[in-house]
Amino acid sequence: MRTSTMVLALGLAGAAAGPAGAQEDAAGQPVLHSIVGGVLAHDTGILTDRVEEGVDINGEVQFAPFGFEEWGWIGSPRPHLGGTVSTAGDTSQIYGGLTWGIELLDGVTLDGSAGLMAHNGNTDGDGFDPDRRSLGSRVLFRFSLEAGYRFAEHHGISLYASHSSHAGWFADNNAGLEDAGIRYRYYFGQ
């Protein structure tokens, strides 16, 4: 998976998200919950040793929790799709999953997500590059935490961290990959 392909996919998703966010479902609610973009420190080494360096550009689309409203007992999760591109040419990723969020105080938000990601970094196969993190498997589990502040109804800013690994399920090598940084969010609805 080449970085240019990932950038093209993110660009197309962003272009489609604008009109889609204005669309409404049968109940009159926006189809999109929010569009998110940010700048992240690459391979931060919060839980692992740092191997790669640089800055990542992150983009994400979060959909309204369509059909999950009845699942309030698990927090009405929102489906999401996104990607992170390494500006240094290191490991980039595309991902998807579910995001759960709550508003703790007036405007103060806390979100967490779980899902899967695919990347263009090293695995245990041929073409190993010692200057790049070896993740053992092309597909990894991905988790994130985000603490933010929503203001002026449609805008938000947050601190964000993600961790991806396969927990030893898909290969012997399980180095993991982490990013952390700041993200801006545009909210379409309530």
N, C-alpha and C. Protein backbone atom coordinates (compact mmCIF):
# COMPACT_ATOMS: atom_id res chain seq x y z
N MET A 1 0.86 -1.17 0.00
CA MET A 1 0.00 0.00 0.00
C MET A 1 0.90 1.23 0.00
N ARG A 2 0.83 2.01 -1.01
CA ARG A 2 1.71 3.17 -1.15
C ARG A 2 1.10 4.38 -0.47
N THR A 3 1.96 5.28 0.01
CA THR A 3 1.51 6.49 0.69
C THR A 3 0.66 7.35 -0.24
N SER A 4 1.03 7.46 -1.52
CA SER A 4 0.25 8.28 -2.45
C SER A 4 -1.17 7.74 -2.61
N THR A 5 -1.32 6.41 -2.59
CA THR A 5 -2.66 5.81 -2.66
C THR A 5 -3.46 6.17 -1.43
N MET A 6 -2.81 6.16 -0.26
CA MET A 6 -3.50 6.50 0.99
C MET A 6 -3.92 7.97 0.98
N VAL A 7 -3.07 8.85 0.50
CA VAL A 7 -3.40 10.28 0.44
C VAL A 7 -4.59 10.50 -0.49
N LEU A 8 -4.59 9.81 -1.64
CA LEU A 8 -5.70 9.92 -2.58
C LEU A 8 -7.00 9.43 -1.94
N ALA A 9 -6.95 8.30 -1.24
CA ALA A 9 -8.15 7.76 -0.60
C ALA A 9 -8.68 8.72 0.47
N LEU A 10 -7.78 9.31 1.26
CA LEU A 10 -8.21 10.27 2.28
C LEU A 10 -8.81 11.52 1.65
N GLY A 11 -8.21 11.98 0.56
CA GLY A 11 -8.73 13.16 -0.13
C GLY A 11 -10.12 12.92 -0.68
N LEU A 12 -10.33 11.76 -1.30
CA LEU A 12 -11.65 11.43 -1.82
C LEU A 12 -12.68 11.29 -0.70
N ALA A 13 -12.29 10.69 0.42
CA ALA A 13 -13.21 10.57 1.56
C ALA A 13 -13.57 11.94 2.10
N GLY A 14 -12.60 12.83 2.19
CA GLY A 14 -12.87 14.19 2.67
C GLY A 14 -13.78 14.96 1.74
N ALA A 15 -13.56 14.82 0.42
CA ALA A 15 -14.39 15.52 -0.55
C ALA A 15 -15.82 15.02 -0.51
N ALA A 16 -15.99 13.71 -0.33
CA ALA A 16 -17.34 13.15 -0.26
C ALA A 16 -18.02 13.47 1.07
N ALA A 17 -17.24 13.69 2.11
CA ALA A 17 -17.81 13.91 3.43
C ALA A 17 -18.57 15.22 3.54
N GLY A 18 -18.13 16.25 2.84
CA GLY A 18 -18.82 17.54 2.91
C GLY A 18 -20.28 17.43 2.51
N PRO A 19 -20.61 16.98 1.31
CA PRO A 19 -22.00 16.83 0.93
C PRO A 19 -22.74 15.78 1.76
N ALA A 20 -22.04 14.69 2.14
CA ALA A 20 -22.70 13.64 2.91
C ALA A 20 -23.10 14.14 4.29
N GLY A 21 -22.32 15.03 4.88
CA GLY A 21 -22.65 15.55 6.20
C GLY A 21 -23.91 16.37 6.18
N ALA A 22 -24.17 17.03 5.06
CA ALA A 22 -25.38 17.84 4.94
C ALA A 22 -26.60 16.97 4.72
N GLN A 23 -26.43 15.74 4.22
CA GLN A 23 -27.55 14.84 4.02
C GLN A 23 -28.08 14.39 5.36
N GLU A 24 -29.35 14.02 5.37
CA GLU A 24 -29.98 13.59 6.61
C GLU A 24 -30.55 12.20 6.43
N ASP A 25 -30.63 11.46 7.53
CA ASP A 25 -31.25 10.14 7.47
C ASP A 25 -32.76 10.29 7.56
N ALA A 26 -33.48 9.19 7.66
CA ALA A 26 -34.95 9.21 7.68
C ALA A 26 -35.50 9.98 8.87
N ALA A 27 -34.75 10.06 9.97
CA ALA A 27 -35.20 10.76 11.17
C ALA A 27 -34.83 12.24 11.14
N GLY A 28 -34.21 12.71 10.04
CA GLY A 28 -33.84 14.11 9.92
C GLY A 28 -32.52 14.46 10.59
N GLN A 29 -31.72 13.47 10.98
CA GLN A 29 -30.42 13.70 11.61
C GLN A 29 -29.32 13.65 10.55
N PRO A 30 -28.23 14.42 10.72
CA PRO A 30 -27.12 14.35 9.77
C PRO A 30 -26.54 12.93 9.72
N VAL A 31 -26.09 12.50 8.55
CA VAL A 31 -25.47 11.19 8.39
C VAL A 31 -24.11 11.16 9.06
N LEU A 32 -23.40 12.29 9.02
CA LEU A 32 -22.08 12.37 9.66
C LEU A 32 -22.20 13.03 11.03
N HIS A 33 -21.44 12.49 11.96
CA HIS A 33 -21.32 13.11 13.28
C HIS A 33 -20.31 14.24 13.21
N SER A 34 -19.11 13.93 12.61
CA SER A 34 -18.05 14.93 12.55
C SER A 34 -16.97 14.54 11.55
N ILE A 35 -16.19 15.55 11.17
CA ILE A 35 -14.97 15.37 10.38
C ILE A 35 -13.83 15.87 11.25
N VAL A 36 -12.75 15.09 11.30
CA VAL A 36 -11.64 15.38 12.20
C VAL A 36 -10.34 15.43 11.41
N GLY A 37 -9.47 16.36 11.74
CA GLY A 37 -8.14 16.43 11.14
C GLY A 37 -7.12 16.85 12.17
N GLY A 38 -5.91 16.36 12.05
CA GLY A 38 -4.93 16.73 13.05
C GLY A 38 -3.49 16.50 12.62
N VAL A 39 -2.61 16.92 13.51
CA VAL A 39 -1.16 16.75 13.35
C VAL A 39 -0.69 15.92 14.54
N LEU A 40 0.01 14.82 14.24
CA LEU A 40 0.41 13.88 15.29
C LEU A 40 1.91 13.63 15.26
N ALA A 41 2.48 13.40 16.43
CA ALA A 41 3.87 12.93 16.52
C ALA A 41 3.85 11.44 16.17
N HIS A 42 4.71 11.03 15.26
CA HIS A 42 4.72 9.66 14.76
C HIS A 42 5.53 8.74 15.66
N ASP A 43 5.02 7.54 15.92
CA ASP A 43 5.73 6.50 16.68
C ASP A 43 6.25 7.07 18.00
N THR A 44 5.34 7.59 18.81
CA THR A 44 5.70 8.32 20.02
C THR A 44 6.38 7.48 21.08
N GLY A 45 6.17 6.16 21.06
CA GLY A 45 6.84 5.31 22.04
C GLY A 45 6.26 5.41 23.43
N ILE A 46 4.97 5.70 23.55
CA ILE A 46 4.35 5.77 24.87
C ILE A 46 4.39 4.40 25.54
N LEU A 47 4.01 3.34 24.81
CA LEU A 47 4.04 1.98 25.34
C LEU A 47 5.14 1.13 24.73
N THR A 48 5.81 1.62 23.70
CA THR A 48 6.86 0.87 23.00
C THR A 48 8.08 1.76 22.80
N ASP A 49 9.19 1.15 22.38
CA ASP A 49 10.39 1.93 22.04
C ASP A 49 10.14 2.69 20.75
N ARG A 50 10.69 3.88 20.64
CA ARG A 50 10.54 4.69 19.43
C ARG A 50 11.56 4.24 18.39
N VAL A 51 11.07 3.94 17.17
CA VAL A 51 11.94 3.52 16.07
C VAL A 51 11.86 4.53 14.93
N GLU A 52 10.64 4.90 14.53
CA GLU A 52 10.45 5.85 13.44
C GLU A 52 10.23 7.24 14.03
N GLU A 53 10.44 8.26 13.20
CA GLU A 53 10.29 9.63 13.66
C GLU A 53 9.43 10.42 12.69
N GLY A 54 9.16 11.65 13.03
CA GLY A 54 8.47 12.53 12.11
C GLY A 54 7.09 12.94 12.58
N VAL A 55 6.39 13.56 11.64
CA VAL A 55 5.05 14.10 11.90
C VAL A 55 4.06 13.40 10.98
N ASP A 56 2.88 13.12 11.49
CA ASP A 56 1.81 12.50 10.71
C ASP A 56 0.68 13.50 10.51
N ILE A 57 0.02 13.38 9.37
CA ILE A 57 -1.21 14.12 9.10
C ILE A 57 -2.35 13.12 9.22
N ASN A 58 -3.33 13.44 10.04
CA ASN A 58 -4.44 12.52 10.33
C ASN A 58 -5.75 13.11 9.85
N GLY A 59 -6.59 12.28 9.26
CA GLY A 59 -7.93 12.66 8.86
C GLY A 59 -8.90 11.55 9.18
N GLU A 60 -10.10 11.92 9.60
CA GLU A 60 -11.08 10.92 10.01
C GLU A 60 -12.49 11.42 9.78
N VAL A 61 -13.38 10.52 9.41
CA VAL A 61 -14.80 10.80 9.27
C VAL A 61 -15.52 9.93 10.28
N GLN A 62 -16.35 10.56 11.13
CA GLN A 62 -17.16 9.81 12.09
C GLN A 62 -18.62 9.95 11.70
N PHE A 63 -19.28 8.81 11.56
CA PHE A 63 -20.68 8.79 11.16
C PHE A 63 -21.58 8.86 12.38
N ALA A 64 -22.82 9.29 12.17
CA ALA A 64 -23.81 9.28 13.25
C ALA A 64 -24.03 7.84 13.68
N PRO A 65 -24.45 7.62 14.92
CA PRO A 65 -24.58 6.25 15.42
C PRO A 65 -25.81 5.52 14.88
N PHE A 66 -26.12 5.69 13.57
CA PHE A 66 -27.32 5.12 12.97
C PHE A 66 -27.52 3.65 13.38
N GLY A 67 -28.72 3.40 13.89
CA GLY A 67 -29.06 2.05 14.30
C GLY A 67 -28.51 1.63 15.64
N PHE A 68 -27.55 2.37 16.16
CA PHE A 68 -26.97 2.01 17.45
C PHE A 68 -27.67 2.70 18.62
N GLU A 69 -28.63 3.59 18.34
CA GLU A 69 -29.30 4.30 19.42
C GLU A 69 -29.92 3.33 20.42
N GLU A 70 -30.45 2.21 19.90
CA GLU A 70 -31.06 1.21 20.78
C GLU A 70 -30.02 0.50 21.63
N TRP A 71 -28.76 0.67 21.27
CA TRP A 71 -27.69 0.03 22.00
C TRP A 71 -27.10 0.98 23.04
N GLY A 72 -27.92 1.85 23.60
CA GLY A 72 -27.44 2.84 24.57
C GLY A 72 -26.65 2.23 25.71
N TRP A 73 -26.92 0.99 26.01
CA TRP A 73 -26.22 0.32 27.10
C TRP A 73 -24.73 0.12 26.79
N ILE A 74 -24.33 0.25 25.52
CA ILE A 74 -22.90 0.21 25.20
C ILE A 74 -22.41 1.57 24.69
N GLY A 75 -23.19 2.61 24.93
CA GLY A 75 -22.72 3.97 24.65
C GLY A 75 -22.98 4.51 23.26
N SER A 76 -23.91 3.94 22.50
CA SER A 76 -24.23 4.44 21.15
C SER A 76 -22.99 4.71 20.32
N PRO A 77 -22.24 3.67 19.95
CA PRO A 77 -20.99 3.88 19.20
C PRO A 77 -21.22 4.48 17.81
N ARG A 78 -20.25 5.28 17.37
CA ARG A 78 -20.26 5.89 16.04
C ARG A 78 -19.23 5.18 15.16
N PRO A 79 -19.60 4.68 13.98
CA PRO A 79 -18.61 4.13 13.06
C PRO A 79 -17.67 5.24 12.57
N HIS A 80 -16.41 4.89 12.36
CA HIS A 80 -15.44 5.87 11.83
C HIS A 80 -14.53 5.21 10.80
N LEU A 81 -14.02 6.05 9.88
CA LEU A 81 -13.01 5.68 8.90
C LEU A 81 -11.96 6.78 8.88
N GLY A 82 -10.70 6.40 8.78
CA GLY A 82 -9.67 7.44 8.77
C GLY A 82 -8.36 6.94 8.25
N GLY A 83 -7.38 7.83 8.31
CA GLY A 83 -6.04 7.49 7.88
C GLY A 83 -5.03 8.44 8.46
N THR A 84 -3.81 7.96 8.55
CA THR A 84 -2.69 8.75 9.04
C THR A 84 -1.54 8.57 8.06
N VAL A 85 -1.03 9.68 7.54
CA VAL A 85 0.05 9.65 6.56
C VAL A 85 1.32 10.19 7.21
N SER A 86 2.38 9.40 7.15
CA SER A 86 3.68 9.81 7.67
C SER A 86 4.34 10.77 6.69
N THR A 87 4.64 11.98 7.12
CA THR A 87 5.29 12.95 6.24
C THR A 87 6.76 12.61 6.03
N ALA A 88 7.33 11.71 6.86
CA ALA A 88 8.73 11.30 6.72
C ALA A 88 8.88 10.06 5.84
N GLY A 89 7.78 9.54 5.31
CA GLY A 89 7.84 8.36 4.48
C GLY A 89 7.90 7.06 5.26
N ASP A 90 7.61 7.12 6.56
CA ASP A 90 7.60 5.90 7.37
C ASP A 90 6.21 5.27 7.32
N THR A 91 5.83 4.53 8.32
CA THR A 91 4.59 3.76 8.31
C THR A 91 3.36 4.67 8.31
N SER A 92 2.51 4.50 7.29
CA SER A 92 1.22 5.18 7.20
C SER A 92 0.13 4.13 7.37
N GLN A 93 -1.10 4.57 7.65
CA GLN A 93 -2.16 3.61 7.92
C GLN A 93 -3.53 4.12 7.49
N ILE A 94 -4.42 3.19 7.22
CA ILE A 94 -5.84 3.47 7.08
C ILE A 94 -6.53 2.63 8.14
N TYR A 95 -7.66 3.12 8.66
CA TYR A 95 -8.30 2.41 9.77
C TYR A 95 -9.80 2.63 9.79
N GLY A 96 -10.47 1.80 10.54
CA GLY A 96 -11.91 1.91 10.75
C GLY A 96 -12.30 1.21 12.03
N GLY A 97 -13.47 1.56 12.54
CA GLY A 97 -13.93 0.95 13.78
C GLY A 97 -15.10 1.70 14.35
N LEU A 98 -15.22 1.66 15.67
CA LEU A 98 -16.30 2.32 16.40
C LEU A 98 -15.72 3.27 17.44
N THR A 99 -16.36 4.42 17.61
CA THR A 99 -15.96 5.42 18.60
C THR A 99 -17.09 5.61 19.60
N TRP A 100 -16.74 5.62 20.86
CA TRP A 100 -17.68 5.92 21.93
C TRP A 100 -17.30 7.27 22.52
N GLY A 101 -18.27 8.12 22.84
CA GLY A 101 -17.95 9.43 23.39
C GLY A 101 -18.96 9.89 24.43
N ILE A 102 -18.47 10.68 25.37
CA ILE A 102 -19.33 11.29 26.38
C ILE A 102 -18.92 12.75 26.57
N GLU A 103 -19.86 13.55 27.04
CA GLU A 103 -19.56 14.93 27.41
C GLU A 103 -19.54 14.97 28.93
N LEU A 104 -18.36 15.19 29.50
CA LEU A 104 -18.18 15.16 30.95
C LEU A 104 -18.75 16.40 31.62
N LEU A 105 -18.40 17.55 31.11
CA LEU A 105 -18.86 18.85 31.60
C LEU A 105 -19.34 19.63 30.40
N ASP A 106 -19.78 20.85 30.61
CA ASP A 106 -20.24 21.67 29.50
C ASP A 106 -19.12 21.87 28.47
N GLY A 107 -19.17 21.12 27.37
CA GLY A 107 -18.18 21.24 26.29
C GLY A 107 -16.98 20.34 26.41
N VAL A 108 -16.71 19.74 27.58
CA VAL A 108 -15.55 18.87 27.76
C VAL A 108 -15.93 17.45 27.34
N THR A 109 -15.20 16.89 26.38
CA THR A 109 -15.54 15.59 25.81
C THR A 109 -14.44 14.56 26.06
N LEU A 110 -14.85 13.31 26.10
CA LEU A 110 -13.92 12.19 26.20
C LEU A 110 -14.39 11.12 25.24
N ASP A 111 -13.51 10.71 24.31
CA ASP A 111 -13.83 9.69 23.32
C ASP A 111 -12.81 8.57 23.38
N GLY A 112 -13.28 7.38 23.07
CA GLY A 112 -12.40 6.22 22.93
C GLY A 112 -12.86 5.43 21.72
N SER A 113 -11.92 4.75 21.07
CA SER A 113 -12.30 3.97 19.89
C SER A 113 -11.58 2.63 19.87
N ALA A 114 -12.16 1.70 19.12
CA ALA A 114 -11.57 0.38 18.89
C ALA A 114 -11.87 -0.02 17.46
N GLY A 115 -10.91 -0.67 16.82
CA GLY A 115 -11.12 -1.11 15.45
C GLY A 115 -9.89 -1.81 14.90
N LEU A 116 -9.77 -1.77 13.58
CA LEU A 116 -8.65 -2.39 12.88
C LEU A 116 -7.96 -1.36 12.00
N MET A 117 -6.67 -1.59 11.72
CA MET A 117 -5.93 -0.73 10.79
C MET A 117 -5.09 -1.60 9.87
N ALA A 118 -4.82 -1.06 8.68
CA ALA A 118 -3.89 -1.68 7.73
C ALA A 118 -2.79 -0.66 7.47
N HIS A 119 -1.56 -1.12 7.29
CA HIS A 119 -0.42 -0.20 7.18
C HIS A 119 0.52 -0.60 6.06
N ASN A 120 1.44 0.31 5.73
CA ASN A 120 2.44 0.05 4.70
C ASN A 120 3.84 -0.14 5.28
N GLY A 121 3.93 -0.43 6.57
CA GLY A 121 5.22 -0.62 7.24
C GLY A 121 5.75 -2.03 7.10
N ASN A 122 6.79 -2.31 7.86
CA ASN A 122 7.42 -3.63 7.85
C ASN A 122 6.52 -4.68 8.46
N THR A 123 6.62 -5.90 7.92
CA THR A 123 6.10 -7.09 8.59
C THR A 123 7.30 -8.01 8.75
N ASP A 124 7.09 -9.26 9.07
CA ASP A 124 8.21 -10.19 9.22
C ASP A 124 8.67 -10.75 7.88
N GLY A 125 8.06 -10.31 6.77
CA GLY A 125 8.38 -10.87 5.45
C GLY A 125 9.62 -10.25 4.83
N ASP A 126 9.76 -10.48 3.53
CA ASP A 126 10.90 -9.96 2.76
C ASP A 126 10.86 -8.43 2.71
N GLY A 127 11.99 -7.84 2.40
CA GLY A 127 12.07 -6.39 2.24
C GLY A 127 12.15 -5.66 3.57
N PHE A 128 12.63 -6.32 4.61
CA PHE A 128 12.71 -5.72 5.93
C PHE A 128 13.66 -4.52 5.94
N ASP A 129 13.23 -3.41 6.49
CA ASP A 129 14.03 -2.19 6.60
C ASP A 129 14.31 -1.96 8.09
N PRO A 130 15.56 -2.02 8.55
CA PRO A 130 15.87 -1.88 9.98
C PRO A 130 15.56 -0.50 10.54
N ASP A 131 15.37 0.51 9.69
CA ASP A 131 15.05 1.85 10.16
C ASP A 131 13.54 2.07 10.30
N ARG A 132 12.76 1.04 10.04
CA ARG A 132 11.31 1.13 10.16
C ARG A 132 10.82 0.11 11.16
N ARG A 133 9.76 0.43 11.84
CA ARG A 133 9.17 -0.45 12.84
C ARG A 133 8.62 -1.70 12.16
N SER A 134 8.89 -2.88 12.73
CA SER A 134 8.36 -4.14 12.21
C SER A 134 7.14 -4.52 13.02
N LEU A 135 5.98 -4.53 12.37
CA LEU A 135 4.72 -4.73 13.06
C LEU A 135 4.20 -6.16 12.98
N GLY A 136 4.89 -7.04 12.25
CA GLY A 136 4.56 -8.45 12.25
C GLY A 136 3.41 -8.85 11.36
N SER A 137 2.42 -8.00 11.21
CA SER A 137 1.22 -8.32 10.45
C SER A 137 0.75 -7.08 9.71
N ARG A 138 0.18 -7.26 8.54
CA ARG A 138 -0.32 -6.12 7.75
C ARG A 138 -1.55 -5.48 8.40
N VAL A 139 -2.35 -6.25 9.15
CA VAL A 139 -3.55 -5.75 9.82
C VAL A 139 -3.33 -5.83 11.33
N LEU A 140 -3.68 -4.74 12.03
CA LEU A 140 -3.51 -4.66 13.48
C LEU A 140 -4.79 -4.18 14.14
N PHE A 141 -4.94 -4.50 15.42
CA PHE A 141 -5.99 -3.88 16.23
C PHE A 141 -5.56 -2.44 16.50
N ARG A 142 -6.53 -1.54 16.63
CA ARG A 142 -6.21 -0.13 16.86
C ARG A 142 -7.15 0.44 17.91
N PHE A 143 -6.59 1.15 18.89
CA PHE A 143 -7.35 1.78 19.97
C PHE A 143 -6.90 3.23 20.09
N SER A 144 -7.83 4.10 20.50
CA SER A 144 -7.46 5.51 20.70
C SER A 144 -8.22 6.10 21.87
N LEU A 145 -7.65 7.16 22.43
CA LEU A 145 -8.28 7.98 23.46
C LEU A 145 -8.14 9.43 23.04
N GLU A 146 -9.17 10.22 23.36
CA GLU A 146 -9.18 11.63 22.96
C GLU A 146 -9.92 12.44 24.00
N ALA A 147 -9.30 13.51 24.48
CA ALA A 147 -9.93 14.44 25.43
C ALA A 147 -9.99 15.80 24.76
N GLY A 148 -11.19 16.40 24.72
CA GLY A 148 -11.31 17.64 23.98
C GLY A 148 -12.28 18.63 24.57
N TYR A 149 -12.44 19.72 23.83
CA TYR A 149 -13.35 20.78 24.22
C TYR A 149 -14.15 21.20 22.99
N ARG A 150 -15.48 21.16 23.10
CA ARG A 150 -16.37 21.59 22.01
C ARG A 150 -16.81 23.02 22.28
N PHE A 151 -16.70 23.86 21.23
CA PHE A 151 -17.05 25.27 21.40
C PHE A 151 -17.81 25.76 20.17
N ALA A 152 -18.51 26.86 20.31
CA ALA A 152 -19.25 27.50 19.22
C ALA A 152 -20.11 26.49 18.46
N GLU A 153 -20.70 25.56 19.14
CA GLU A 153 -21.63 24.54 18.66
C GLU A 153 -21.02 23.52 17.71
N HIS A 154 -20.32 23.95 16.67
CA HIS A 154 -19.84 23.02 15.64
C HIS A 154 -18.34 22.75 15.66
N HIS A 155 -17.59 23.29 16.60
CA HIS A 155 -16.13 23.19 16.58
C HIS A 155 -15.60 22.53 17.84
N GLY A 156 -14.49 21.83 17.69
CA GLY A 156 -13.84 21.21 18.83
C GLY A 156 -12.35 21.06 18.60
N ILE A 157 -11.61 21.02 19.70
CA ILE A 157 -10.16 20.83 19.67
C ILE A 157 -9.84 19.77 20.72
N SER A 158 -8.87 18.90 20.44
CA SER A 158 -8.63 17.82 21.39
C SER A 158 -7.18 17.35 21.37
N LEU A 159 -6.81 16.67 22.45
CA LEU A 159 -5.55 15.94 22.56
C LEU A 159 -5.88 14.48 22.28
N TYR A 160 -5.03 13.82 21.51
CA TYR A 160 -5.36 12.51 20.96
C TYR A 160 -4.16 11.58 21.03
N ALA A 161 -4.41 10.29 21.31
CA ALA A 161 -3.37 9.27 21.27
C ALA A 161 -3.96 7.97 20.75
N SER A 162 -3.18 7.24 19.94
CA SER A 162 -3.63 5.94 19.45
C SER A 162 -2.53 4.91 19.63
N HIS A 163 -2.94 3.65 19.73
CA HIS A 163 -2.02 2.52 19.83
C HIS A 163 -2.53 1.42 18.93
N SER A 164 -1.64 0.85 18.11
CA SER A 164 -1.98 -0.26 17.23
C SER A 164 -1.02 -1.42 17.47
N SER A 165 -1.56 -2.62 17.58
CA SER A 165 -0.75 -3.84 17.68
C SER A 165 -1.66 -5.03 17.38
N HIS A 166 -1.08 -6.23 17.32
CA HIS A 166 -1.92 -7.40 17.08
C HIS A 166 -1.96 -8.34 18.28
N ALA A 167 -1.38 -7.92 19.38
CA ALA A 167 -1.43 -8.66 20.65
C ALA A 167 -0.91 -10.08 20.52
N GLY A 168 -0.02 -10.32 19.53
CA GLY A 168 0.54 -11.65 19.35
C GLY A 168 -0.38 -12.64 18.65
N TRP A 169 -1.51 -12.19 18.14
CA TRP A 169 -2.48 -13.09 17.51
C TRP A 169 -2.10 -13.45 16.08
N PHE A 170 -1.49 -12.53 15.32
CA PHE A 170 -1.29 -12.72 13.89
C PHE A 170 0.14 -13.06 13.50
N ALA A 171 1.10 -12.84 14.39
CA ALA A 171 2.51 -13.09 14.08
C ALA A 171 3.30 -13.09 15.38
N ASP A 172 4.55 -13.56 15.32
CA ASP A 172 5.39 -13.56 16.51
C ASP A 172 5.82 -12.15 16.91
N ASN A 173 6.20 -11.34 15.92
CA ASN A 173 6.66 -9.99 16.19
C ASN A 173 5.46 -9.08 16.46
N ASN A 174 5.49 -8.32 17.55
CA ASN A 174 4.38 -7.45 17.91
C ASN A 174 4.91 -6.14 18.48
N ALA A 175 5.59 -5.36 17.65
CA ALA A 175 6.24 -4.13 18.12
C ALA A 175 5.24 -3.04 18.49
N GLY A 176 4.12 -2.94 17.81
CA GLY A 176 3.13 -1.88 18.07
C GLY A 176 3.55 -0.55 17.48
N LEU A 177 2.57 0.34 17.31
CA LEU A 177 2.80 1.67 16.76
C LEU A 177 1.88 2.66 17.47
N GLU A 178 2.41 3.81 17.84
CA GLU A 178 1.63 4.82 18.55
C GLU A 178 1.82 6.20 17.94
N ASP A 179 0.76 6.98 18.01
CA ASP A 179 0.78 8.37 17.57
C ASP A 179 0.09 9.21 18.64
N ALA A 180 0.49 10.46 18.76
CA ALA A 180 -0.17 11.37 19.71
C ALA A 180 -0.06 12.79 19.17
N GLY A 181 -1.10 13.59 19.42
CA GLY A 181 -1.06 14.96 18.95
C GLY A 181 -2.34 15.71 19.20
N ILE A 182 -2.60 16.67 18.34
CA ILE A 182 -3.75 17.56 18.50
C ILE A 182 -4.63 17.44 17.25
N ARG A 183 -5.96 17.47 17.47
CA ARG A 183 -6.90 17.35 16.35
C ARG A 183 -8.00 18.41 16.47
N TYR A 184 -8.46 18.85 15.31
CA TYR A 184 -9.61 19.76 15.20
C TYR A 184 -10.80 18.94 14.71
N ARG A 185 -11.99 19.25 15.22
CA ARG A 185 -13.19 18.52 14.84
C ARG A 185 -14.28 19.51 14.44
N TYR A 186 -14.94 19.21 13.31
CA TYR A 186 -16.15 19.96 12.93
C TYR A 186 -17.33 19.04 13.14
N TYR A 187 -18.27 19.45 14.00
CA TYR A 187 -19.47 18.67 14.31
C TYR A 187 -20.61 19.07 13.37
N PHE A 188 -21.33 18.08 12.81
CA PHE A 188 -22.46 18.37 11.93
C PHE A 188 -23.76 18.53 12.70
N GLY A 189 -23.95 17.80 13.77
CA GLY A 189 -25.23 17.86 14.49
C GLY A 189 -25.00 18.08 15.96
N GLN A 190 -25.96 17.62 16.72
CA GLN A 190 -25.88 17.76 18.18
C GLN A 190 -24.84 16.84 18.66
